[in-house]
Amino acid sequence: EDMIAEHRKELGITPRKISDEEIVQRLVYSLVNEGAHILEDGIASKASDIDMVYITGYGFPIFRGGPMHYASQQGLFNVVQAMQRFGRNPNDDGTFWEPAKLIRQRVAEGRGFA
């Protein structure tokens, strides 16, 4: 703990409380963004295919329906807002949190992934 505190001090980072909700958003929304890139690249043809891989292959909670379905339930506008908020954090990687073109397109159309 002392080493971490010292390293944070050297970098000028002030620790903060991170809510459970933010942790879930950061984990799931990164999966969603990558899933959208997979759809854009034609690697998968449907969002539900990506959800099935995460549910059956990676143990994503089945009652959530997969990350793409979960994002649609949360509202893609809200997903984009959270991703942009994460990207504005000076200690974060802003380019990582840039929403995929498909996500931005669906938001503009008022659609989810279903």
C-alpha atoms as a PDB file:
ATOM      1  CA  GLU A   1       0.000   0.000   0.000  1.00  0.00           C
ATOM      2  CA  ASP A   2       2.823   2.373   0.824  1.00  0.00           C
ATOM      3  CA  MET A   3       4.456   1.745  -2.573  1.00  0.00           C
ATOM      4  CA  ILE A   4       1.192   2.462  -4.364  1.00  0.00           C
ATOM      5  CA  ALA A   5       0.626   5.631  -2.345  1.00  0.00           C
ATOM      6  CA  GLU A   6       4.155   6.829  -3.114  1.00  0.00           C
ATOM      7  CA  HIS A   7       3.789   6.060  -6.825  1.00  0.00           C
ATOM      8  CA  ARG A   8       0.450   7.897  -6.939  1.00  0.00           C
ATOM      9  CA  LYS A   9       2.069  10.866  -5.206  1.00  0.00           C
ATOM     10  CA  GLU A  10       4.928  10.920  -7.747  1.00  0.00           C
ATOM     11  CA  LEU A  11       2.391  10.964 -10.590  1.00  0.00           C
ATOM     12  CA  GLY A  12       0.215  13.580  -8.885  1.00  0.00           C
ATOM     13  CA  ILE A  13      -2.793  11.278  -8.756  1.00  0.00           C
ATOM     14  CA  THR A  14      -5.348  11.862  -6.039  1.00  0.00           C
ATOM     15  CA  PRO A  15      -7.178   8.665  -5.070  1.00  0.00           C
ATOM     16  CA  ARG A  16     -10.943   8.658  -5.305  1.00  0.00           C
ATOM     17  CA  LYS A  17     -13.791   6.351  -4.441  1.00  0.00           C
ATOM     18  CA  ILE A  18     -15.028   4.359  -7.420  1.00  0.00           C
ATOM     19  CA  SER A  19     -18.593   3.119  -7.221  1.00  0.00           C
ATOM     20  CA  ASP A  20     -19.663  -0.408  -8.066  1.00  0.00           C
ATOM     21  CA  GLU A  21     -21.736   1.091 -10.894  1.00  0.00           C
ATOM     22  CA  GLU A  22     -18.690   2.737 -12.464  1.00  0.00           C
ATOM     23  CA  ILE A  23     -16.720  -0.500 -12.246  1.00  0.00           C
ATOM     24  CA  VAL A  24     -19.520  -2.388 -14.027  1.00  0.00           C
ATOM     25  CA  GLN A  25     -19.829   0.342 -16.654  1.00  0.00           C
ATOM     26  CA  ARG A  26     -16.105   0.397 -17.376  1.00  0.00           C
ATOM     27  CA  LEU A  27     -15.980  -3.378 -17.724  1.00  0.00           C
ATOM     28  CA  VAL A  28     -19.150  -3.887 -19.743  1.00  0.00           C
ATOM     29  CA  TYR A  29     -18.990  -0.776 -21.923  1.00  0.00           C
ATOM     30  CA  SER A  30     -15.489  -1.676 -23.079  1.00  0.00           C
ATOM     31  CA  LEU A  31     -16.921  -5.057 -24.198  1.00  0.00           C
ATOM     32  CA  VAL A  32     -19.776  -3.248 -25.939  1.00  0.00           C
ATOM     33  CA  ASN A  33     -17.444  -0.918 -27.788  1.00  0.00           C
ATOM     34  CA  GLU A  34     -15.299  -3.826 -28.960  1.00  0.00           C
ATOM     35  CA  GLY A  35     -18.452  -5.720 -29.937  1.00  0.00           C
ATOM     36  CA  ALA A  36     -19.534  -2.759 -32.065  1.00  0.00           C
ATOM     37  CA  HIS A  37     -16.128  -2.785 -33.798  1.00  0.00           C
ATOM     38  CA  ILE A  38     -16.563  -6.525 -34.437  1.00  0.00           C
ATOM     39  CA  LEU A  39     -19.929  -5.810 -36.071  1.00  0.00           C
ATOM     40  CA  GLU A  40     -18.465  -2.961 -38.116  1.00  0.00           C
ATOM     41  CA  ASP A  41     -15.671  -5.226 -39.359  1.00  0.00           C
ATOM     42  CA  GLY A  42     -18.137  -7.938 -40.368  1.00  0.00           C
ATOM     43  CA  ILE A  43     -16.607 -10.514 -38.018  1.00  0.00           C
ATOM     44  CA  ALA A  44     -20.055 -11.054 -36.497  1.00  0.00           C
ATOM     45  CA  SER A  45     -23.308 -10.390 -38.303  1.00  0.00           C
ATOM     46  CA  LYS A  46     -25.589  -9.683 -35.321  1.00  0.00           C
ATOM     47  CA  ALA A  47     -25.211  -8.260 -31.847  1.00  0.00           C
ATOM     48  CA  SER A  48     -26.957 -11.334 -30.474  1.00  0.00           C
ATOM     49  CA  ASP A  49     -24.107 -13.493 -31.839  1.00  0.00           C
ATOM     50  CA  ILE A  50     -21.675 -11.485 -29.737  1.00  0.00           C
ATOM     51  CA  ASP A  51     -23.937 -11.828 -26.710  1.00  0.00           C
ATOM     52  CA  MET A  52     -24.069 -15.614 -27.144  1.00  0.00           C
ATOM     53  CA  VAL A  53     -20.260 -15.814 -27.215  1.00  0.00           C
ATOM     54  CA  TYR A  54     -20.016 -13.835 -23.994  1.00  0.00           C
ATOM     55  CA  ILE A  55     -22.781 -15.832 -22.291  1.00  0.00           C
ATOM     56  CA  THR A  56     -21.695 -19.325 -23.340  1.00  0.00           C
ATOM     57  CA  GLY A  57     -17.963 -18.790 -23.703  1.00  0.00           C
ATOM     58  CA  TYR A  58     -17.038 -16.254 -21.061  1.00  0.00           C
ATOM     59  CA  GLY A  59     -19.727 -16.673 -18.421  1.00  0.00           C
ATOM     60  CA  PHE A  60     -21.410 -13.303 -18.831  1.00  0.00           C
ATOM     61  CA  PRO A  61     -24.531 -13.416 -16.611  1.00  0.00           C
ATOM     62  CA  ILE A  62     -27.301 -14.945 -18.713  1.00  0.00           C
ATOM     63  CA  PHE A  63     -29.979 -12.894 -16.960  1.00  0.00           C
ATOM     64  CA  ARG A  64     -28.269  -9.759 -18.341  1.00  0.00           C
ATOM     65  CA  GLY A  65     -28.604 -11.097 -21.902  1.00  0.00           C
ATOM     66  CA  GLY A  66     -25.021 -10.353 -22.922  1.00  0.00           C
ATOM     67  CA  PRO A  67     -23.128  -7.061 -23.077  1.00  0.00           C
ATOM     68  CA  MET A  68     -24.795  -5.805 -26.268  1.00  0.00           C
ATOM     69  CA  HIS A  69     -28.270  -6.491 -24.899  1.00  0.00           C
ATOM     70  CA  TYR A  70     -27.311  -4.968 -21.555  1.00  0.00           C
ATOM     71  CA  ALA A  71     -26.113  -1.805 -23.309  1.00  0.00           C
ATOM     72  CA  SER A  72     -29.376  -1.563 -25.225  1.00  0.00           C
ATOM     73  CA  GLN A  73     -31.298  -1.878 -21.959  1.00  0.00           C
ATOM     74  CA  GLN A  74     -29.196   0.890 -20.406  1.00  0.00           C
ATOM     75  CA  GLY A  75     -29.737   3.027 -23.511  1.00  0.00           C
ATOM     76  CA  LEU A  76     -26.908   3.552 -25.969  1.00  0.00           C
ATOM     77  CA  PHE A  77     -27.109   7.305 -25.374  1.00  0.00           C
ATOM     78  CA  ASN A  78     -26.294   6.636 -21.699  1.00  0.00           C
ATOM     79  CA  VAL A  79     -23.494   4.271 -22.706  1.00  0.00           C
ATOM     80  CA  VAL A  80     -21.944   6.966 -24.905  1.00  0.00           C
ATOM     81  CA  GLN A  81     -22.292   9.556 -22.139  1.00  0.00           C
ATOM     82  CA  ALA A  82     -20.458   7.285 -19.694  1.00  0.00           C
ATOM     83  CA  MET A  83     -17.742   6.452 -22.219  1.00  0.00           C
ATOM     84  CA  GLN A  84     -17.173  10.128 -22.942  1.00  0.00           C
ATOM     85  CA  ARG A  85     -16.991  10.840 -19.210  1.00  0.00           C
ATOM     86  CA  PHE A  86     -14.351   8.124 -18.807  1.00  0.00           C
ATOM     87  CA  GLY A  87     -12.439   9.489 -21.786  1.00  0.00           C
ATOM     88  CA  ARG A  88     -12.286  12.976 -20.264  1.00  0.00           C
ATOM     89  CA  ASN A  89     -10.486  11.653 -17.198  1.00  0.00           C
ATOM     90  CA  PRO A  90      -6.898  12.936 -17.590  1.00  0.00           C
ATOM     91  CA  ASN A  91      -5.586   9.701 -16.061  1.00  0.00           C
ATOM     92  CA  ASP A  92      -7.477   7.549 -18.570  1.00  0.00           C
ATOM     93  CA  ASP A  93      -6.971   6.716 -22.246  1.00  0.00           C
ATOM     94  CA  GLY A  94      -9.368   8.975 -24.135  1.00  0.00           C
ATOM     95  CA  THR A  95      -8.937   7.149 -27.442  1.00  0.00           C
ATOM     96  CA  PHE A  96      -9.852   3.835 -25.809  1.00  0.00           C
ATOM     97  CA  TRP A  97     -13.198   5.294 -24.773  1.00  0.00           C
ATOM     98  CA  GLU A  98     -14.029   6.764 -28.183  1.00  0.00           C
ATOM     99  CA  PRO A  99     -17.414   5.196 -29.061  1.00  0.00           C
ATOM    100  CA  ALA A 100     -17.425   3.037 -32.171  1.00  0.00           C
ATOM    101  CA  LYS A 101     -19.036   4.553 -35.250  1.00  0.00           C
ATOM    102  CA  LEU A 102     -21.836   1.967 -35.074  1.00  0.00           C
ATOM    103  CA  ILE A 103     -22.720   3.015 -31.532  1.00  0.00           C
ATOM    104  CA  ARG A 104     -22.808   6.692 -32.490  1.00  0.00           C
ATOM    105  CA  GLN A 105     -24.953   5.822 -35.517  1.00  0.00           C
ATOM    106  CA  ARG A 106     -27.435   3.814 -33.431  1.00  0.00           C
ATOM    107  CA  VAL A 107     -27.683   6.654 -30.910  1.00  0.00           C
ATOM    108  CA  ALA A 108     -28.410   9.131 -33.697  1.00  0.00           C
ATOM    109  CA  GLU A 109     -31.139   6.783 -34.967  1.00  0.00           C
ATOM    110  CA  GLY A 110     -32.550   6.253 -31.469  1.00  0.00           C
ATOM    111  CA  ARG A 111     -31.887   2.512 -31.717  1.00  0.00           C
ATOM    112  CA  GLY A 112     -30.184  -0.132 -29.635  1.00  0.00           C
ATOM    113  CA  PHE A 113     -28.564  -3.341 -30.809  1.00  0.00           C
ATOM    114  CA  ALA A 114     -31.761  -5.437 -30.880  1.00  0.00           C
END
